[in-house]
PDB file of all heavy atoms in Angstrom:
ATOM      1  N   GLU A   1     -33.902 -22.696 -37.112  1.00  0.00           N
ATOM      2  CA  GLU A   1     -34.191 -24.075 -37.308  1.00  0.00           C
ATOM      3  C   GLU A   1     -33.168 -25.087 -36.608  1.00  0.00           C
ATOM      4  O   GLU A   1     -33.291 -26.229 -36.657  1.00  0.00           O
ATOM      5  CB  GLU A   1     -33.993 -24.408 -38.924  1.00  0.00           C
ATOM      6  CG  GLU A   1     -32.762 -23.918 -39.555  1.00  0.00           C
ATOM      7  CD  GLU A   1     -32.847 -22.586 -40.262  1.00  0.00           C
ATOM      8  OE1 GLU A   1     -33.552 -21.707 -39.746  1.00  0.00           O
ATOM      9  OE2 GLU A   1     -32.378 -22.448 -41.296  1.00  0.00           O
ATOM     10  N   ASP A   2     -32.180 -24.478 -35.877  1.00  0.00           N
ATOM     11  CA  ASP A   2     -31.342 -25.264 -35.076  1.00  0.00           C
ATOM     12  C   ASP A   2     -31.955 -25.600 -33.744  1.00  0.00           C
ATOM     13  O   ASP A   2     -31.435 -26.401 -32.853  1.00  0.00           O
ATOM     14  CB  ASP A   2     -30.003 -24.568 -34.873  1.00  0.00           C
ATOM     15  CG  ASP A   2     -29.109 -24.458 -36.020  1.00  0.00           C
ATOM     16  OD1 ASP A   2     -29.207 -25.337 -36.906  1.00  0.00           O
ATOM     17  OD2 ASP A   2     -28.554 -23.330 -36.251  1.00  0.00           O
ATOM     18  N   THR A   3     -33.127 -25.051 -33.437  1.00  0.00           N
ATOM     19  CA  THR A   3     -33.839 -25.301 -32.200  1.00  0.00           C
ATOM     20  C   THR A   3     -34.286 -26.714 -32.194  1.00  0.00           C
ATOM     21  O   THR A   3     -34.878 -27.239 -33.122  1.00  0.00           O
ATOM     22  CB  THR A   3     -35.077 -24.400 -32.087  1.00  0.00           C
ATOM     23  OG1 THR A   3     -34.650 -23.036 -31.916  1.00  0.00           O
ATOM     24  CG2 THR A   3     -35.952 -24.765 -30.893  1.00  0.00           C
ATOM     25  N   ALA A   4     -33.809 -27.454 -31.120  1.00  0.00           N
ATOM     26  CA  ALA A   4     -34.080 -28.870 -31.025  1.00  0.00           C
ATOM     27  C   ALA A   4     -33.510 -29.353 -29.706  1.00  0.00           C
ATOM     28  O   ALA A   4     -32.813 -28.707 -28.987  1.00  0.00           O
ATOM     29  CB  ALA A   4     -33.461 -29.603 -32.181  1.00  0.00           C
ATOM     30  N   VAL A   5     -33.834 -30.611 -29.416  1.00  0.00           N
ATOM     31  CA  VAL A   5     -33.110 -31.260 -28.261  1.00  0.00           C
ATOM     32  C   VAL A   5     -31.928 -31.999 -28.966  1.00  0.00           C
ATOM     33  O   VAL A   5     -32.024 -32.750 -29.819  1.00  0.00           O
ATOM     34  CB  VAL A   5     -33.999 -32.308 -27.603  1.00  0.00           C
ATOM     35  CG1 VAL A   5     -33.251 -33.064 -26.496  1.00  0.00           C
ATOM     36  CG2 VAL A   5     -35.229 -31.628 -26.948  1.00  0.00           C
ATOM     37  N   TYR A   6     -30.696 -31.779 -28.391  1.00  0.00           N
ATOM     38  CA  TYR A   6     -29.499 -32.347 -28.915  1.00  0.00           C
ATOM     39  C   TYR A   6     -29.062 -33.478 -28.018  1.00  0.00           C
ATOM     40  O   TYR A   6     -28.979 -33.436 -26.796  1.00  0.00           O
ATOM     41  CB  TYR A   6     -28.429 -31.321 -28.961  1.00  0.00           C
ATOM     42  CG  TYR A   6     -28.562 -30.340 -30.147  1.00  0.00           C
ATOM     43  CD1 TYR A   6     -29.584 -29.425 -30.123  1.00  0.00           C
ATOM     44  CD2 TYR A   6     -27.784 -30.465 -31.240  1.00  0.00           C
ATOM     45  CE1 TYR A   6     -29.855 -28.508 -31.182  1.00  0.00           C
ATOM     46  CE2 TYR A   6     -27.974 -29.529 -32.310  1.00  0.00           C
ATOM     47  CZ  TYR A   6     -28.971 -28.609 -32.303  1.00  0.00           C
ATOM     48  OH  TYR A   6     -29.183 -27.764 -33.425  1.00  0.00           O
ATOM     49  N   PHE A   7     -28.714 -34.592 -28.607  1.00  0.00           N
ATOM     50  CA  PHE A   7     -28.252 -35.788 -27.940  1.00  0.00           C
ATOM     51  C   PHE A   7     -26.947 -36.137 -28.403  1.00  0.00           C
ATOM     52  O   PHE A   7     -26.555 -36.027 -29.471  1.00  0.00           O
ATOM     53  CB  PHE A   7     -29.208 -36.990 -28.217  1.00  0.00           C
ATOM     54  CG  PHE A   7     -30.674 -36.815 -27.825  1.00  0.00           C
ATOM     55  CD1 PHE A   7     -31.485 -36.155 -28.615  1.00  0.00           C
ATOM     56  CD2 PHE A   7     -31.059 -37.260 -26.670  1.00  0.00           C
ATOM     57  CE1 PHE A   7     -32.875 -36.031 -28.386  1.00  0.00           C
ATOM     58  CE2 PHE A   7     -32.389 -37.148 -26.228  1.00  0.00           C
ATOM     59  CZ  PHE A   7     -33.253 -36.500 -27.145  1.00  0.00           C
ATOM     60  N   CYS A   8     -26.016 -36.655 -27.393  1.00  0.00           N
ATOM     61  CA  CYS A   8     -24.796 -37.233 -27.740  1.00  0.00           C
ATOM     62  C   CYS A   8     -24.952 -38.794 -27.626  1.00  0.00           C
ATOM     63  O   CYS A   8     -25.849 -39.275 -26.903  1.00  0.00           O
ATOM     64  CB  CYS A   8     -23.610 -36.717 -26.940  1.00  0.00           C
ATOM     65  SG  CYS A   8     -23.609 -37.274 -25.185  1.00  0.00           S
ATOM     66  N   ALA A   9     -24.149 -39.483 -28.377  1.00  0.00           N
ATOM     67  CA  ALA A   9     -24.228 -40.879 -28.315  1.00  0.00           C
ATOM     68  C   ALA A   9     -22.807 -41.540 -28.620  1.00  0.00           C
ATOM     69  O   ALA A   9     -21.932 -40.985 -29.245  1.00  0.00           O
ATOM     70  CB  ALA A   9     -25.201 -41.335 -29.547  1.00  0.00           C
ATOM     71  N   ARG A  10     -22.617 -42.756 -28.054  1.00  0.00           N
ATOM     72  CA  ARG A  10     -21.450 -43.496 -28.261  1.00  0.00           C
ATOM     73  C   ARG A  10     -21.634 -44.728 -29.150  1.00  0.00           C
ATOM     74  O   ARG A  10     -22.549 -45.451 -28.878  1.00  0.00           O
ATOM     75  CB  ARG A  10     -20.917 -43.943 -26.861  1.00  0.00           C
ATOM     76  CG  ARG A  10     -19.523 -44.618 -26.853  1.00  0.00           C
ATOM     77  CD  ARG A  10     -19.124 -44.974 -25.453  1.00  0.00           C
ATOM     78  NE  ARG A  10     -17.865 -45.516 -25.371  1.00  0.00           N
ATOM     79  CZ  ARG A  10     -17.398 -46.827 -25.468  1.00  0.00           C
ATOM     80  NH1 ARG A  10     -18.320 -47.694 -25.526  1.00  0.00           N
ATOM     81  NH2 ARG A  10     -16.230 -47.168 -25.235  1.00  0.00           N
ATOM     82  N   SER A  11     -20.899 -44.844 -30.239  1.00  0.00           N
ATOM     83  CA  SER A  11     -20.957 -45.977 -31.096  1.00  0.00           C
ATOM     84  C   SER A  11     -20.214 -47.175 -30.584  1.00  0.00           C
ATOM     85  O   SER A  11     -19.377 -47.087 -29.680  1.00  0.00           O
ATOM     86  CB  SER A  11     -20.423 -45.544 -32.488  1.00  0.00           C
ATOM     87  OG  SER A  11     -20.462 -46.613 -33.342  1.00  0.00           O
ATOM     88  N   TYR A  12     -20.568 -48.360 -31.194  1.00  0.00           N
ATOM     89  CA  TYR A  12     -19.806 -49.578 -30.897  1.00  0.00           C
ATOM     90  C   TYR A  12     -18.562 -49.585 -31.774  1.00  0.00           C
ATOM     91  O   TYR A  12     -17.726 -50.408 -31.485  1.00  0.00           O
ATOM     92  CB  TYR A  12     -20.627 -50.736 -31.363  1.00  0.00           C
ATOM     93  CG  TYR A  12     -21.235 -50.791 -32.679  1.00  0.00           C
ATOM     94  CD1 TYR A  12     -20.222 -51.247 -33.677  1.00  0.00           C
ATOM     95  CD2 TYR A  12     -22.439 -50.304 -33.123  1.00  0.00           C
ATOM     96  CE1 TYR A  12     -20.670 -51.287 -35.073  1.00  0.00           C
ATOM     97  CE2 TYR A  12     -22.781 -50.363 -34.452  1.00  0.00           C
ATOM     98  CZ  TYR A  12     -21.908 -50.811 -35.353  1.00  0.00           C
ATOM     99  OH  TYR A  12     -22.394 -50.862 -36.748  1.00  0.00           O
ATOM    100  N   SER A  13     -18.394 -48.735 -32.752  1.00  0.00           N
ATOM    101  CA  SER A  13     -17.341 -48.653 -33.671  1.00  0.00           C
ATOM    102  C   SER A  13     -16.341 -47.508 -33.352  1.00  0.00           C
ATOM    103  O   SER A  13     -16.626 -46.606 -32.781  1.00  0.00           O
ATOM    104  CB  SER A  13     -17.823 -48.550 -35.082  1.00  0.00           C
ATOM    105  OG  SER A  13     -16.859 -48.391 -36.004  1.00  0.00           O
ATOM    106  N   LEU A  14     -15.117 -47.658 -33.855  1.00  0.00           N
ATOM    107  CA  LEU A  14     -14.086 -46.622 -33.938  1.00  0.00           C
ATOM    108  C   LEU A  14     -14.343 -45.625 -34.928  1.00  0.00           C
ATOM    109  O   LEU A  14     -13.875 -44.450 -34.921  1.00  0.00           O
ATOM    110  CB  LEU A  14     -12.712 -47.197 -34.001  1.00  0.00           C
ATOM    111  CG  LEU A  14     -12.230 -48.067 -32.844  1.00  0.00           C
ATOM    112  CD1 LEU A  14     -10.811 -48.695 -33.320  1.00  0.00           C
ATOM    113  CD2 LEU A  14     -12.016 -47.276 -31.629  1.00  0.00           C
ATOM    114  N   LEU A  15     -15.045 -46.030 -36.028  1.00  0.00           N
ATOM    115  CA  LEU A  15     -15.256 -45.276 -37.172  1.00  0.00           C
ATOM    116  C   LEU A  15     -16.454 -44.364 -37.029  1.00  0.00           C
ATOM    117  O   LEU A  15     -17.431 -44.746 -36.285  1.00  0.00           O
ATOM    118  CB  LEU A  15     -15.352 -46.060 -38.415  1.00  0.00           C
ATOM    119  CG  LEU A  15     -14.226 -47.140 -38.571  1.00  0.00           C
ATOM    120  CD1 LEU A  15     -14.461 -47.962 -39.825  1.00  0.00           C
ATOM    121  CD2 LEU A  15     -12.841 -46.519 -38.712  1.00  0.00           C
ATOM    122  N   VAL A  16     -16.551 -43.294 -37.798  1.00  0.00           N
ATOM    123  CA  VAL A  16     -17.669 -42.361 -37.751  1.00  0.00           C
ATOM    124  C   VAL A  16     -18.931 -43.004 -38.237  1.00  0.00           C
ATOM    125  O   VAL A  16     -18.808 -43.898 -39.344  1.00  0.00           O
ATOM    126  CB  VAL A  16     -17.419 -41.035 -38.603  1.00  0.00           C
ATOM    127  CG1 VAL A  16     -16.379 -40.239 -37.830  1.00  0.00           C
ATOM    128  CG2 VAL A  16     -17.049 -41.307 -39.968  1.00  0.00           C
ATOM    129  N   LYS A  17     -20.003 -42.873 -37.643  1.00  0.00           N
ATOM    130  CA  LYS A  17     -21.295 -43.457 -38.057  1.00  0.00           C
ATOM    131  C   LYS A  17     -22.360 -42.343 -38.119  1.00  0.00           C
ATOM    132  O   LYS A  17     -22.330 -41.427 -37.399  1.00  0.00           O
ATOM    133  CB  LYS A  17     -21.730 -44.645 -37.073  1.00  0.00           C
ATOM    134  CG  LYS A  17     -20.763 -45.630 -36.971  1.00  0.00           C
ATOM    135  CD  LYS A  17     -20.487 -46.471 -38.236  1.00  0.00           C
ATOM    136  CE  LYS A  17     -19.482 -47.634 -37.990  1.00  0.00           C
ATOM    137  NZ  LYS A  17     -19.328 -48.388 -39.258  1.00  0.00           N
ATOM    138  N   ILE A  18     -23.411 -42.502 -39.020  1.00  0.00           N
ATOM    139  CA  ILE A  18     -24.331 -41.521 -39.258  1.00  0.00           C
ATOM    140  C   ILE A  18     -25.761 -41.958 -38.927  1.00  0.00           C
ATOM    141  O   ILE A  18     -26.647 -41.046 -39.096  1.00  0.00           O
ATOM    142  CB  ILE A  18     -24.150 -40.906 -40.667  1.00  0.00           C
ATOM    143  CG1 ILE A  18     -24.570 -41.992 -41.727  1.00  0.00           C
ATOM    144  CG2 ILE A  18     -22.812 -40.431 -40.832  1.00  0.00           C
ATOM    145  CD1 ILE A  18     -24.603 -41.447 -43.147  1.00  0.00           C
ATOM    146  N   THR A  19     -26.016 -43.156 -38.584  1.00  0.00           N
ATOM    147  CA  THR A  19     -27.383 -43.579 -38.308  1.00  0.00           C
ATOM    148  C   THR A  19     -27.460 -43.892 -36.802  1.00  0.00           C
ATOM    149  O   THR A  19     -26.486 -44.450 -36.187  1.00  0.00           O
ATOM    150  CB  THR A  19     -27.794 -44.750 -39.160  1.00  0.00           C
ATOM    151  OG1 THR A  19     -26.895 -45.861 -38.868  1.00  0.00           O
ATOM    152  CG2 THR A  19     -27.669 -44.480 -40.646  1.00  0.00           C
ATOM    153  N   ALA A  20     -28.644 -43.674 -36.265  1.00  0.00           N
ATOM    154  CA  ALA A  20     -28.818 -43.910 -34.783  1.00  0.00           C
ATOM    155  C   ALA A  20     -28.638 -45.348 -34.363  1.00  0.00           C
ATOM    156  O   ALA A  20     -28.130 -45.646 -33.350  1.00  0.00           O
ATOM    157  CB  ALA A  20     -30.191 -43.515 -34.455  1.00  0.00           C
ATOM    158  N   ARG A  21     -28.979 -46.380 -35.347  1.00  0.00           N
ATOM    159  CA  ARG A  21     -28.841 -47.718 -34.922  1.00  0.00           C
ATOM    160  C   ARG A  21     -27.383 -48.149 -34.733  1.00  0.00           C
ATOM    161  O   ARG A  21     -27.181 -49.202 -34.348  1.00  0.00           O
ATOM    162  CB  ARG A  21     -29.555 -48.560 -36.063  1.00  0.00           C
ATOM    163  CG  ARG A  21     -28.897 -48.458 -37.496  1.00  0.00           C
ATOM    164  CD  ARG A  21     -29.602 -49.471 -38.342  1.00  0.00           C
ATOM    165  NE  ARG A  21     -29.077 -49.340 -39.705  1.00  0.00           N
ATOM    166  CZ  ARG A  21     -29.495 -48.512 -40.678  1.00  0.00           C
ATOM    167  NH1 ARG A  21     -30.499 -47.690 -40.406  1.00  0.00           N
ATOM    168  NH2 ARG A  21     -28.852 -48.506 -41.779  1.00  0.00           N
ATOM    169  N   GLU A  22     -26.462 -47.322 -35.196  1.00  0.00           N
ATOM    170  CA  GLU A  22     -25.083 -47.596 -35.072  1.00  0.00           C
ATOM    171  C   GLU A  22     -24.447 -47.103 -33.787  1.00  0.00           C
ATOM    172  O   GLU A  22     -23.221 -47.169 -33.597  1.00  0.00           O
ATOM    173  CB  GLU A  22     -24.216 -47.169 -36.253  1.00  0.00           C
ATOM    174  CG  GLU A  22     -24.666 -47.812 -37.471  1.00  0.00           C
ATOM    175  CD  GLU A  22     -24.100 -47.136 -38.821  1.00  0.00           C
ATOM    176  OE1 GLU A  22     -24.288 -45.895 -38.992  1.00  0.00           O
ATOM    177  OE2 GLU A  22     -23.445 -47.855 -39.634  1.00  0.00           O
ATOM    178  N   TYR A  23     -25.319 -46.587 -32.855  1.00  0.00           N
ATOM    179  CA  TYR A  23     -24.934 -46.063 -31.509  1.00  0.00           C
ATOM    180  C   TYR A  23     -25.534 -46.867 -30.425  1.00  0.00           C
ATOM    181  O   TYR A  23     -26.656 -47.187 -30.532  1.00  0.00           O
ATOM    182  CB  TYR A  23     -25.237 -44.590 -31.455  1.00  0.00           C
ATOM    183  CG  TYR A  23     -24.400 -43.799 -32.341  1.00  0.00           C
ATOM    184  CD1 TYR A  23     -24.599 -43.588 -33.649  1.00  0.00           C
ATOM    185  CD2 TYR A  23     -23.217 -43.134 -31.854  1.00  0.00           C
ATOM    186  CE1 TYR A  23     -23.781 -42.796 -34.566  1.00  0.00           C
ATOM    187  CE2 TYR A  23     -22.450 -42.366 -32.666  1.00  0.00           C
ATOM    188  CZ  TYR A  23     -22.707 -42.125 -33.944  1.00  0.00           C
ATOM    189  OH  TYR A  23     -21.879 -41.415 -34.803  1.00  0.00           O
ATOM    190  N   GLU A  24     -24.683 -47.242 -29.442  1.00  0.00           N
ATOM    191  CA  GLU A  24     -25.154 -48.077 -28.379  1.00  0.00           C
ATOM    192  C   GLU A  24     -25.640 -47.304 -27.216  1.00  0.00           C
ATOM    193  O   GLU A  24     -26.631 -47.745 -26.538  1.00  0.00           O
ATOM    194  CB  GLU A  24     -23.949 -48.937 -27.880  1.00  0.00           C
ATOM    195  CG  GLU A  24     -23.633 -50.068 -28.802  1.00  0.00           C
ATOM    196  CD  GLU A  24     -22.606 -51.002 -28.174  1.00  0.00           C
ATOM    197  OE1 GLU A  24     -21.506 -50.527 -27.713  1.00  0.00           O
ATOM    198  OE2 GLU A  24     -22.867 -52.187 -28.151  1.00  0.00           O
ATOM    199  N   TYR A  25     -25.111 -46.188 -26.859  1.00  0.00           N
ATOM    200  CA  TYR A  25     -25.447 -45.451 -25.681  1.00  0.00           C
ATOM    201  C   TYR A  25     -25.769 -44.009 -25.922  1.00  0.00           C
ATOM    202  O   TYR A  25     -25.151 -43.378 -26.838  1.00  0.00           O
ATOM    203  CB  TYR A  25     -24.234 -45.476 -24.625  1.00  0.00           C
ATOM    204  CG  TYR A  25     -23.874 -46.856 -24.146  1.00  0.00           C
ATOM    205  CD1 TYR A  25     -22.725 -47.505 -24.776  1.00  0.00           C
ATOM    206  CD2 TYR A  25     -24.589 -47.512 -23.155  1.00  0.00           C
ATOM    207  CE1 TYR A  25     -22.454 -48.769 -24.323  1.00  0.00           C
ATOM    208  CE2 TYR A  25     -24.141 -48.682 -22.806  1.00  0.00           C
ATOM    209  CZ  TYR A  25     -23.098 -49.424 -23.378  1.00  0.00           C
ATOM    210  OH  TYR A  25     -22.774 -50.661 -22.944  1.00  0.00           O
ATOM    211  N   TRP A  26     -26.761 -43.487 -25.255  1.00  0.00           N
ATOM    212  CA  TRP A  26     -27.244 -42.209 -25.507  1.00  0.00           C
ATOM    213  C   TRP A  26     -27.377 -41.351 -24.196  1.00  0.00           C
ATOM    214  O   TRP A  26     -27.665 -41.934 -23.093  1.00  0.00           O
ATOM    215  CB  TRP A  26     -28.715 -42.244 -26.201  1.00  0.00           C
ATOM    216  CG  TRP A  26     -28.619 -42.885 -27.459  1.00  0.00           C
ATOM    217  CD1 TRP A  26     -28.551 -44.216 -27.837  1.00  0.00           C
ATOM    218  CD2 TRP A  26     -28.608 -42.235 -28.754  1.00  0.00           C
ATOM    219  NE1 TRP A  26     -28.567 -44.452 -29.068  1.00  0.00           N
ATOM    220  CE2 TRP A  26     -28.601 -43.222 -29.693  1.00  0.00           C
ATOM    221  CE3 TRP A  26     -28.718 -40.822 -29.097  1.00  0.00           C
ATOM    222  CZ2 TRP A  26     -28.640 -42.891 -31.125  1.00  0.00           C
ATOM    223  CZ3 TRP A  26     -28.709 -40.505 -30.390  1.00  0.00           C
ATOM    224  CH2 TRP A  26     -28.659 -41.532 -31.318  1.00  0.00           C
ATOM    225  N   GLY A  27     -27.194 -40.077 -24.300  1.00  0.00           N
ATOM    226  CA  GLY A  27     -27.475 -39.142 -23.260  1.00  0.00           C
ATOM    227  C   GLY A  27     -28.895 -38.773 -23.127  1.00  0.00           C
ATOM    228  O   GLY A  27     -29.675 -39.185 -23.922  1.00  0.00           O
ATOM    229  N   GLN A  28     -29.231 -37.948 -22.126  1.00  0.00           N
ATOM    230  CA  GLN A  28     -30.566 -37.576 -21.911  1.00  0.00           C
ATOM    231  C   GLN A  28     -31.116 -36.453 -22.791  1.00  0.00           C
ATOM    232  O   GLN A  28     -32.273 -36.185 -22.948  1.00  0.00           O
ATOM    233  CB  GLN A  28     -30.841 -37.184 -20.403  1.00  0.00           C
ATOM    234  CG  GLN A  28     -30.404 -35.690 -20.091  1.00  0.00           C
ATOM    235  CD  GLN A  28     -28.827 -35.539 -20.058  1.00  0.00           C
ATOM    236  OE1 GLN A  28     -27.948 -36.515 -20.164  1.00  0.00           O
ATOM    237  NE2 GLN A  28     -28.430 -34.199 -19.906  1.00  0.00           N
ATOM    238  N   GLY A  29     -30.172 -35.735 -23.431  1.00  0.00           N
ATOM    239  CA  GLY A  29     -30.485 -34.662 -24.280  1.00  0.00           C
ATOM    240  C   GLY A  29     -30.378 -33.252 -23.587  1.00  0.00           C
ATOM    241  O   GLY A  29     -30.645 -33.227 -22.365  1.00  0.00           O
ATOM    242  N   THR A  30     -30.159 -32.270 -24.369  1.00  0.00           N
ATOM    243  CA  THR A  30     -30.061 -30.933 -23.867  1.00  0.00           C
ATOM    244  C   THR A  30     -30.749 -29.970 -24.816  1.00  0.00           C
ATOM    245  O   THR A  30     -30.550 -30.175 -25.982  1.00  0.00           O
ATOM    246  CB  THR A  30     -28.658 -30.447 -23.479  1.00  0.00           C
ATOM    247  OG1 THR A  30     -28.663 -29.142 -22.918  1.00  0.00           O
ATOM    248  CG2 THR A  30     -27.786 -30.352 -24.849  1.00  0.00           C
TER     249      THR A  30
END
């Protein structure tokens, strides 16, 4: 069930965030 496309993202915040809308930049996925 870990099979998926994995994306990294950079938030606008210094604090940990758990929703996609709290991230500004995204990679292409692997």
